[in-house]
C-alpha cells in the first residue's frame, strides 16, 4: 500500500464519521422537537400548564448532546483539512515532509468534550443555528406555559 492510499483511506473514513455525526445531530434535533412537543401536548390535554416547564430541563440536555457530536465533528473536519493539505503536497511533488506530524485516524484527537469545549461550540458565531433551534423550542415552551396558565 502506498502512502497516498493510506491518506485516501484515512480521508474516506473521516468523511464517513462526519456524515455519521450529521445523522446523530439530526436525530437529536428530531427527538428534541418530538419530545418537547409531546410534553406540551400532554400538559394541554391534562390541563396542567406547569408540566410544560419540564421542557426547560429537556432542552439543555438535548442541546448538550448535539454539542458533543458537533465538537466530535469539528475535530474530524480539522483532520480532513490536514489530510487534504498533505494530499496537495503529494500532488505537487513536495512529498518530503508528508508524514511530519501525521497521525493516522482522527480517533487519537477525539477527547470527550468538557463543559468548556461544549461552551466553545455553543458560543461560536457560526453555530448560531444551534442556539436558535433550541431557543425557539424554549420560547414555544414558555409560551405554552403562559397560554395554559390563562386558559386553564
N, C-alpha and C. Protein backbone atom coordinates (compact mmCIF):
# COMPACT_ATOMS: atom_id res chain seq x y z
N UNK A 1 0.85 -1.18 0.00
CA UNK A 1 0.00 0.00 0.00
C UNK A 1 0.89 1.24 0.00
N UNK A 2 0.61 2.15 -0.89
CA UNK A 2 1.40 3.37 -0.98
C UNK A 2 0.91 4.41 0.01
N UNK A 3 1.74 5.40 0.22
CA UNK A 3 1.44 6.46 1.17
C UNK A 3 0.15 7.20 0.80
N UNK A 4 -0.04 7.49 -0.45
CA UNK A 4 -1.24 8.21 -0.88
C UNK A 4 -2.50 7.38 -0.62
N UNK A 5 -2.38 6.06 -0.74
CA UNK A 5 -3.53 5.19 -0.47
C UNK A 5 -3.91 5.24 1.01
N UNK A 6 -2.92 5.32 1.87
CA UNK A 6 -3.18 5.42 3.31
C UNK A 6 -3.90 6.73 3.61
N UNK A 7 -3.45 7.82 3.00
CA UNK A 7 -4.10 9.11 3.21
C UNK A 7 -5.54 9.10 2.68
N UNK A 8 -5.74 8.49 1.51
CA UNK A 8 -7.09 8.42 0.95
C UNK A 8 -8.02 7.60 1.85
N UNK A 9 -7.51 6.50 2.36
CA UNK A 9 -8.31 5.65 3.25
C UNK A 9 -8.68 6.40 4.52
N UNK A 10 -7.72 7.11 5.09
CA UNK A 10 -7.96 7.90 6.29
C UNK A 10 -8.98 9.00 6.00
N UNK A 11 -8.85 9.65 4.86
CA UNK A 11 -9.77 10.72 4.47
C UNK A 11 -11.20 10.18 4.33
N UNK A 12 -11.34 9.05 3.64
CA UNK A 12 -12.66 8.45 3.45
C UNK A 12 -13.30 8.05 4.78
N UNK A 13 -12.51 7.47 5.66
CA UNK A 13 -13.02 7.07 6.97
C UNK A 13 -13.46 8.27 7.80
N UNK A 14 -12.70 9.34 7.71
CA UNK A 14 -13.04 10.54 8.46
C UNK A 14 -14.30 11.19 7.90
N UNK A 15 -14.44 11.20 6.58
CA UNK A 15 -15.67 11.73 5.97
C UNK A 15 -16.89 10.93 6.38
N UNK A 16 -16.74 9.61 6.47
CA UNK A 16 -17.84 8.75 6.91
C UNK A 16 -18.23 9.10 8.34
N UNK A 17 -17.24 9.38 9.19
CA UNK A 17 -17.53 9.77 10.58
C UNK A 17 -18.26 11.10 10.64
N UNK A 18 -17.86 12.05 9.79
CA UNK A 18 -18.52 13.36 9.75
C UNK A 18 -19.98 13.18 9.36
N UNK A 19 -20.24 12.32 8.37
CA UNK A 19 -21.62 12.04 7.96
C UNK A 19 -22.42 11.40 9.10
N UNK A 20 -21.77 10.51 9.83
CA UNK A 20 -22.45 9.84 10.95
C UNK A 20 -22.79 10.86 12.05
N UNK A 21 -21.89 11.79 12.30
CA UNK A 21 -22.18 12.85 13.27
C UNK A 21 -23.38 13.67 12.83
N UNK A 22 -23.45 13.98 11.53
CA UNK A 22 -24.60 14.72 11.00
C UNK A 22 -25.89 13.95 11.25
N UNK A 23 -25.86 12.65 11.02
CA UNK A 23 -27.04 11.82 11.24
C UNK A 23 -27.46 11.85 12.71
N UNK A 24 -26.49 11.74 13.61
CA UNK A 24 -26.79 11.76 15.04
C UNK A 24 -27.36 13.11 15.46
N UNK A 25 -26.78 14.20 14.96
CA UNK A 25 -27.28 15.52 15.32
C UNK A 25 -28.69 15.73 14.78
N UNK A 26 -28.97 15.22 13.60
CA UNK A 26 -30.32 15.32 13.04
C UNK A 26 -31.30 14.53 13.90
N UNK A 27 -30.90 13.35 14.33
CA UNK A 27 -31.76 12.53 15.18
C UNK A 27 -32.01 13.21 16.53
N UNK A 28 -30.98 13.83 17.09
CA UNK A 28 -31.13 14.52 18.37
C UNK A 28 -32.12 15.68 18.22
N UNK A 29 -31.98 16.44 17.13
CA UNK A 29 -32.92 17.54 16.89
C UNK A 29 -34.35 17.01 16.75
N UNK A 30 -34.50 15.91 16.03
CA UNK A 30 -35.83 15.32 15.87
C UNK A 30 -36.41 14.90 17.22
N UNK A 31 -35.60 14.22 18.03
CA UNK A 31 -36.08 13.79 19.34
C UNK A 31 -36.40 14.98 20.24
N UNK A 32 -35.60 16.02 20.14
CA UNK A 32 -35.87 17.22 20.94
C UNK A 32 -37.21 17.83 20.56
N UNK A 33 -37.46 17.92 19.27
CA UNK A 33 -38.71 18.50 18.80
C UNK A 33 -39.91 17.63 19.16
N UNK A 34 -39.79 16.33 18.94
CA UNK A 34 -40.88 15.41 19.24
C UNK A 34 -41.16 15.35 20.75
N UNK A 35 -40.12 15.25 21.53
CA UNK A 35 -40.29 15.12 22.98
C UNK A 35 -40.89 16.38 23.60
N UNK A 36 -40.35 17.53 23.22
CA UNK A 36 -40.89 18.77 23.80
C UNK A 36 -42.31 19.02 23.32
N UNK A 37 -42.61 18.67 22.08
CA UNK A 37 -43.98 18.81 21.59
C UNK A 37 -44.93 17.88 22.34
N UNK A 38 -44.47 16.67 22.62
CA UNK A 38 -45.29 15.71 23.36
C UNK A 38 -45.55 16.21 24.77
N UNK A 39 -44.56 16.82 25.39
CA UNK A 39 -44.76 17.36 26.74
C UNK A 39 -45.79 18.49 26.71
N UNK A 40 -45.70 19.35 25.71
CA UNK A 40 -46.68 20.44 25.58
C UNK A 40 -48.08 19.87 25.35
N UNK A 41 -48.19 18.90 24.45
CA UNK A 41 -49.50 18.30 24.16
C UNK A 41 -50.07 17.60 25.40
N UNK A 42 -49.21 16.90 26.13
CA UNK A 42 -49.66 16.22 27.35
C UNK A 42 -50.15 17.23 28.39
N UNK A 43 -49.39 18.30 28.54
CA UNK A 43 -49.77 19.31 29.52
C UNK A 43 -51.11 19.95 29.16
N UNK A 44 -51.30 20.23 27.90
CA UNK A 44 -52.56 20.84 27.46
C UNK A 44 -53.71 19.86 27.64
N UNK A 45 -53.48 18.59 27.27
CA UNK A 45 -54.56 17.61 27.39
C UNK A 45 -54.97 17.35 28.84
N UNK A 46 -54.04 17.49 29.76
CA UNK A 46 -54.33 17.27 31.18
C UNK A 46 -54.73 18.55 31.90
N UNK A 47 -54.61 19.68 31.20
CA UNK A 47 -54.95 20.95 31.83
C UNK A 47 -53.96 21.36 32.91
N UNK A 48 -52.76 20.89 32.84
CA UNK A 48 -51.71 21.17 33.82
C UNK A 48 -50.58 21.94 33.13
N UNK A 49 -50.68 23.25 33.11
CA UNK A 49 -49.71 24.05 32.38
C UNK A 49 -48.30 23.98 32.96
N UNK A 50 -48.16 23.65 34.22
CA UNK A 50 -46.82 23.60 34.82
C UNK A 50 -45.99 22.43 34.30
N UNK A 51 -46.64 21.42 33.74
CA UNK A 51 -45.90 20.27 33.19
C UNK A 51 -44.99 20.73 32.05
N UNK A 52 -45.39 21.78 31.36
CA UNK A 52 -44.59 22.30 30.24
C UNK A 52 -43.19 22.70 30.69
N UNK A 53 -43.05 23.08 31.94
CA UNK A 53 -41.74 23.51 32.45
C UNK A 53 -40.70 22.38 32.45
N UNK A 54 -41.14 21.14 32.30
CA UNK A 54 -40.22 20.02 32.15
C UNK A 54 -39.32 20.23 30.93
N UNK A 55 -39.86 20.90 29.92
CA UNK A 55 -39.07 21.17 28.71
C UNK A 55 -37.83 22.01 29.00
N UNK A 56 -37.89 22.83 30.02
CA UNK A 56 -36.73 23.66 30.35
C UNK A 56 -35.58 22.84 30.92
N UNK A 57 -35.86 21.60 31.26
CA UNK A 57 -34.80 20.64 31.64
C UNK A 57 -34.38 19.83 30.42
N UNK A 58 -35.36 19.43 29.63
CA UNK A 58 -35.07 18.60 28.45
C UNK A 58 -34.27 19.34 27.38
N UNK A 59 -34.59 20.60 27.16
CA UNK A 59 -33.95 21.36 26.07
C UNK A 59 -32.44 21.46 26.27
N UNK A 60 -31.94 21.86 27.45
CA UNK A 60 -30.48 21.89 27.62
C UNK A 60 -29.82 20.51 27.48
N UNK A 61 -30.54 19.47 27.87
CA UNK A 61 -29.99 18.11 27.75
C UNK A 61 -29.81 17.75 26.28
N UNK A 62 -30.83 18.00 25.47
CA UNK A 62 -30.72 17.72 24.04
C UNK A 62 -29.66 18.60 23.38
N UNK A 63 -29.60 19.86 23.77
CA UNK A 63 -28.60 20.77 23.21
C UNK A 63 -27.19 20.28 23.55
N UNK A 64 -27.00 19.84 24.79
CA UNK A 64 -25.68 19.34 25.20
C UNK A 64 -25.27 18.12 24.38
N UNK A 65 -26.21 17.20 24.16
CA UNK A 65 -25.90 16.02 23.33
C UNK A 65 -25.50 16.43 21.92
N UNK A 66 -26.24 17.36 21.35
CA UNK A 66 -25.90 17.81 19.99
C UNK A 66 -24.53 18.48 19.96
N UNK A 67 -24.23 19.27 20.97
CA UNK A 67 -22.94 19.96 21.01
C UNK A 67 -21.77 18.99 21.16
N UNK A 68 -21.99 17.89 21.85
CA UNK A 68 -20.95 16.86 21.96
C UNK A 68 -20.62 16.33 20.56
N UNK A 69 -21.66 15.95 19.81
CA UNK A 69 -21.43 15.45 18.46
C UNK A 69 -20.83 16.52 17.55
N UNK A 70 -21.23 17.77 17.75
CA UNK A 70 -20.68 18.85 16.93
C UNK A 70 -19.19 19.03 17.22
N UNK A 71 -18.79 18.88 18.48
CA UNK A 71 -17.36 19.00 18.80
C UNK A 71 -16.57 17.84 18.20
N UNK A 72 -17.16 16.63 18.21
CA UNK A 72 -16.52 15.49 17.55
C UNK A 72 -16.37 15.77 16.05
N UNK A 73 -17.43 16.30 15.47
CA UNK A 73 -17.42 16.57 14.04
C UNK A 73 -16.38 17.65 13.71
N UNK A 74 -16.27 18.66 14.54
CA UNK A 74 -15.27 19.71 14.31
C UNK A 74 -13.86 19.14 14.31
N UNK A 75 -13.60 18.21 15.23
CA UNK A 75 -12.28 17.56 15.28
C UNK A 75 -12.03 16.77 14.00
N UNK A 76 -13.04 16.07 13.52
CA UNK A 76 -12.90 15.30 12.28
C UNK A 76 -12.69 16.21 11.08
N UNK A 77 -13.36 17.35 11.06
CA UNK A 77 -13.18 18.30 9.95
C UNK A 77 -11.75 18.84 9.95
N UNK A 78 -11.22 19.13 11.13
CA UNK A 78 -9.82 19.57 11.22
C UNK A 78 -8.88 18.50 10.66
N UNK A 79 -9.18 17.25 10.95
CA UNK A 79 -8.35 16.14 10.47
C UNK A 79 -8.43 16.03 8.95
N UNK A 80 -9.62 16.18 8.37
CA UNK A 80 -9.73 16.11 6.91
C UNK A 80 -9.00 17.26 6.25
N UNK A 81 -8.99 18.41 6.88
CA UNK A 81 -8.24 19.56 6.35
C UNK A 81 -6.76 19.25 6.33
N UNK A 82 -6.28 18.64 7.41
CA UNK A 82 -4.87 18.24 7.49
C UNK A 82 -4.53 17.23 6.40
N UNK A 83 -5.38 16.25 6.21
CA UNK A 83 -5.14 15.22 5.18
C UNK A 83 -5.18 15.86 3.80
N UNK A 84 -6.12 16.76 3.56
CA UNK A 84 -6.21 17.43 2.25
C UNK A 84 -4.93 18.19 1.94
N UNK A 85 -4.39 18.87 2.92
CA UNK A 85 -3.15 19.60 2.72
C UNK A 85 -2.00 18.65 2.40
N UNK A 86 -1.98 17.51 3.05
CA UNK A 86 -0.94 16.52 2.77
C UNK A 86 -1.09 15.93 1.37
N UNK A 87 -2.32 15.68 0.96
CA UNK A 87 -2.55 15.16 -0.40
C UNK A 87 -2.14 16.21 -1.43
N UNK A 88 -2.42 17.48 -1.15
CA UNK A 88 -1.99 18.56 -2.05
C UNK A 88 -0.46 18.59 -2.18
N UNK A 89 0.24 18.41 -1.07
CA UNK A 89 1.70 18.36 -1.10
C UNK A 89 2.18 17.20 -1.96
N UNK A 90 1.52 16.07 -1.81
CA UNK A 90 1.89 14.89 -2.59
C UNK A 90 1.69 15.14 -4.08
N UNK A 91 0.57 15.76 -4.43
CA UNK A 91 0.25 16.01 -5.83
C UNK A 91 1.18 17.04 -6.47
N UNK A 92 1.69 17.96 -5.68
CA UNK A 92 2.63 18.97 -6.23
C UNK A 92 4.07 18.47 -6.22
N UNK A 93 4.28 17.27 -5.75
CA UNK A 93 5.62 16.69 -5.76
C UNK A 93 6.44 17.06 -4.54
N UNK A 94 5.86 17.69 -3.57
CA UNK A 94 6.55 18.11 -2.35
C UNK A 94 6.24 17.12 -1.23
N UNK A 95 6.61 15.88 -1.44
CA UNK A 95 6.25 14.80 -0.51
C UNK A 95 7.31 14.54 0.54
N UNK A 96 8.33 15.37 0.62
CA UNK A 96 9.42 15.10 1.56
C UNK A 96 8.96 15.15 3.01
N UNK A 97 8.05 16.06 3.35
CA UNK A 97 7.59 16.20 4.72
C UNK A 97 6.14 15.74 4.87
N UNK A 98 5.75 14.80 4.06
CA UNK A 98 4.36 14.39 4.02
C UNK A 98 3.89 13.76 5.34
N UNK A 99 4.75 13.04 5.99
CA UNK A 99 4.35 12.35 7.22
C UNK A 99 4.75 13.08 8.49
N UNK A 100 5.34 14.25 8.35
CA UNK A 100 5.76 15.01 9.52
C UNK A 100 4.55 15.43 10.35
N UNK A 101 4.43 14.90 11.55
CA UNK A 101 3.33 15.22 12.44
C UNK A 101 2.03 14.51 12.13
N UNK A 102 2.04 13.59 11.19
CA UNK A 102 0.81 12.90 10.78
C UNK A 102 0.49 11.76 11.74
N UNK A 103 -0.78 11.67 12.11
CA UNK A 103 -1.28 10.56 12.91
C UNK A 103 -2.45 9.97 12.16
N UNK A 104 -2.37 8.68 11.86
CA UNK A 104 -3.43 8.01 11.11
C UNK A 104 -4.68 7.91 11.96
N UNK A 105 -5.79 8.30 11.39
CA UNK A 105 -7.06 8.23 12.10
C UNK A 105 -7.24 9.43 13.00
N UNK A 106 -8.44 9.91 13.09
CA UNK A 106 -8.73 11.08 13.92
C UNK A 106 -9.08 10.70 15.34
N UNK A 107 -9.23 9.39 15.59
CA UNK A 107 -9.63 8.93 16.91
C UNK A 107 -8.69 9.36 18.02
N UNK A 108 -7.43 9.51 17.70
CA UNK A 108 -6.47 9.95 18.73
C UNK A 108 -6.67 11.41 19.11
N UNK A 109 -7.29 12.15 18.23
CA UNK A 109 -7.53 13.57 18.50
C UNK A 109 -8.83 13.79 19.27
N UNK A 110 -9.72 12.81 19.23
CA UNK A 110 -11.00 12.96 19.91
C UNK A 110 -10.82 12.88 21.42
N UNK A 111 -11.40 13.83 22.09
CA UNK A 111 -11.44 13.82 23.54
C UNK A 111 -12.89 13.97 23.94
N UNK A 112 -13.27 13.34 25.05
CA UNK A 112 -14.64 13.55 25.50
C UNK A 112 -14.77 15.02 25.84
N UNK A 113 -15.72 15.68 25.25
CA UNK A 113 -15.79 17.13 25.42
C UNK A 113 -16.12 17.54 26.84
N UNK A 114 -15.31 18.44 27.34
CA UNK A 114 -15.57 19.01 28.66
C UNK A 114 -16.62 20.11 28.52
N UNK A 115 -17.06 20.63 29.62
CA UNK A 115 -18.03 21.73 29.57
C UNK A 115 -17.45 22.93 28.85
N UNK A 116 -16.16 23.17 29.01
CA UNK A 116 -15.55 24.32 28.34
C UNK A 116 -15.52 24.11 26.82
N UNK A 117 -15.25 22.88 26.37
CA UNK A 117 -15.28 22.61 24.93
C UNK A 117 -16.68 22.76 24.36
N UNK A 118 -17.67 22.26 25.09
CA UNK A 118 -19.06 22.37 24.65
C UNK A 118 -19.47 23.83 24.63
N UNK A 119 -19.04 24.60 25.62
CA UNK A 119 -19.35 26.03 25.67
C UNK A 119 -18.73 26.75 24.47
N UNK A 120 -17.53 26.36 24.08
CA UNK A 120 -16.89 26.98 22.91
C UNK A 120 -17.71 26.75 21.64
N UNK A 121 -18.25 25.56 21.49
CA UNK A 121 -19.09 25.27 20.34
C UNK A 121 -20.38 26.08 20.44
N UNK A 122 -20.94 26.19 21.64
CA UNK A 122 -22.21 26.90 21.84
C UNK A 122 -22.09 28.39 21.50
N UNK A 123 -20.97 29.02 21.89
CA UNK A 123 -20.82 30.46 21.67
C UNK A 123 -20.20 30.80 20.32
N UNK A 124 -19.76 29.79 19.57
CA UNK A 124 -19.17 30.03 18.26
C UNK A 124 -20.18 30.74 17.36
N UNK A 125 -19.76 31.83 16.74
CA UNK A 125 -20.71 32.62 15.95
C UNK A 125 -21.24 31.86 14.74
N UNK A 126 -20.54 30.83 14.31
CA UNK A 126 -21.00 30.03 13.18
C UNK A 126 -21.96 28.92 13.61
N UNK A 127 -22.22 28.81 14.88
CA UNK A 127 -23.14 27.79 15.41
C UNK A 127 -24.45 28.42 15.88
N UNK A 128 -24.74 29.60 15.36
CA UNK A 128 -25.94 30.33 15.74
C UNK A 128 -27.20 29.51 15.50
N UNK A 129 -27.20 28.68 14.47
CA UNK A 129 -28.38 27.87 14.15
C UNK A 129 -28.73 26.90 15.28
N UNK A 130 -27.72 26.42 16.00
CA UNK A 130 -27.99 25.51 17.12
C UNK A 130 -28.68 26.28 18.23
N UNK A 131 -28.14 27.45 18.57
CA UNK A 131 -28.76 28.27 19.62
C UNK A 131 -30.17 28.68 19.22
N UNK A 132 -30.35 29.04 17.97
CA UNK A 132 -31.68 29.46 17.51
C UNK A 132 -32.70 28.33 17.60
N UNK A 133 -32.29 27.14 17.19
CA UNK A 133 -33.21 26.00 17.22
C UNK A 133 -33.72 25.74 18.64
N UNK A 134 -32.79 25.61 19.58
CA UNK A 134 -33.20 25.31 20.95
C UNK A 134 -33.85 26.51 21.63
N UNK A 135 -33.46 27.72 21.22
CA UNK A 135 -34.11 28.92 21.73
C UNK A 135 -35.56 29.01 21.32
N UNK A 136 -35.85 28.65 20.07
CA UNK A 136 -37.24 28.67 19.60
C UNK A 136 -38.08 27.63 20.34
N UNK A 137 -37.51 26.45 20.55
CA UNK A 137 -38.25 25.43 21.30
C UNK A 137 -38.52 25.93 22.73
N UNK A 138 -37.53 26.55 23.35
CA UNK A 138 -37.72 27.08 24.70
C UNK A 138 -38.77 28.18 24.71
N UNK A 139 -38.73 29.02 23.69
CA UNK A 139 -39.71 30.10 23.59
C UNK A 139 -41.13 29.55 23.45
N UNK A 140 -41.30 28.54 22.62
CA UNK A 140 -42.62 27.92 22.48
C UNK A 140 -43.06 27.25 23.78
N UNK A 141 -42.12 26.66 24.49
CA UNK A 141 -42.47 26.02 25.76
C UNK A 141 -42.92 27.04 26.78
N UNK A 142 -42.18 28.13 26.89
CA UNK A 142 -42.57 29.19 27.83
C UNK A 142 -43.90 29.80 27.39
N UNK A 143 -44.06 29.97 26.07
CA UNK A 143 -45.33 30.48 25.56
C UNK A 143 -46.49 29.56 25.89
N UNK A 144 -46.27 28.27 25.75
CA UNK A 144 -47.31 27.29 26.07
C UNK A 144 -47.65 27.33 27.56
N UNK A 145 -46.64 27.56 28.39
CA UNK A 145 -46.86 27.68 29.83
C UNK A 145 -47.81 28.84 30.12
N UNK A 146 -47.50 30.01 29.52
CA UNK A 146 -48.34 31.19 29.78
C UNK A 146 -49.73 31.07 29.16
N UNK A 147 -49.82 30.50 27.99
CA UNK A 147 -51.13 30.28 27.37
C UNK A 147 -51.94 29.33 28.23
N UNK A 148 -51.32 28.24 28.66
CA UNK A 148 -52.01 27.28 29.52
C UNK A 148 -52.42 27.87 30.84
N UNK A 149 -51.62 28.77 31.33
CA UNK A 149 -51.90 29.41 32.63
C UNK A 149 -53.18 30.24 32.57
N UNK A 150 -53.41 30.87 31.43
CA UNK A 150 -54.59 31.72 31.31
C UNK A 150 -55.81 30.96 30.81
N UNK A 151 -55.58 29.82 30.18
CA UNK A 151 -56.71 29.04 29.66
C UNK A 151 -57.25 28.04 30.68
N UNK A 152 -56.41 27.57 31.58
CA UNK A 152 -56.85 26.50 32.49
C UNK A 152 -56.97 27.01 33.91
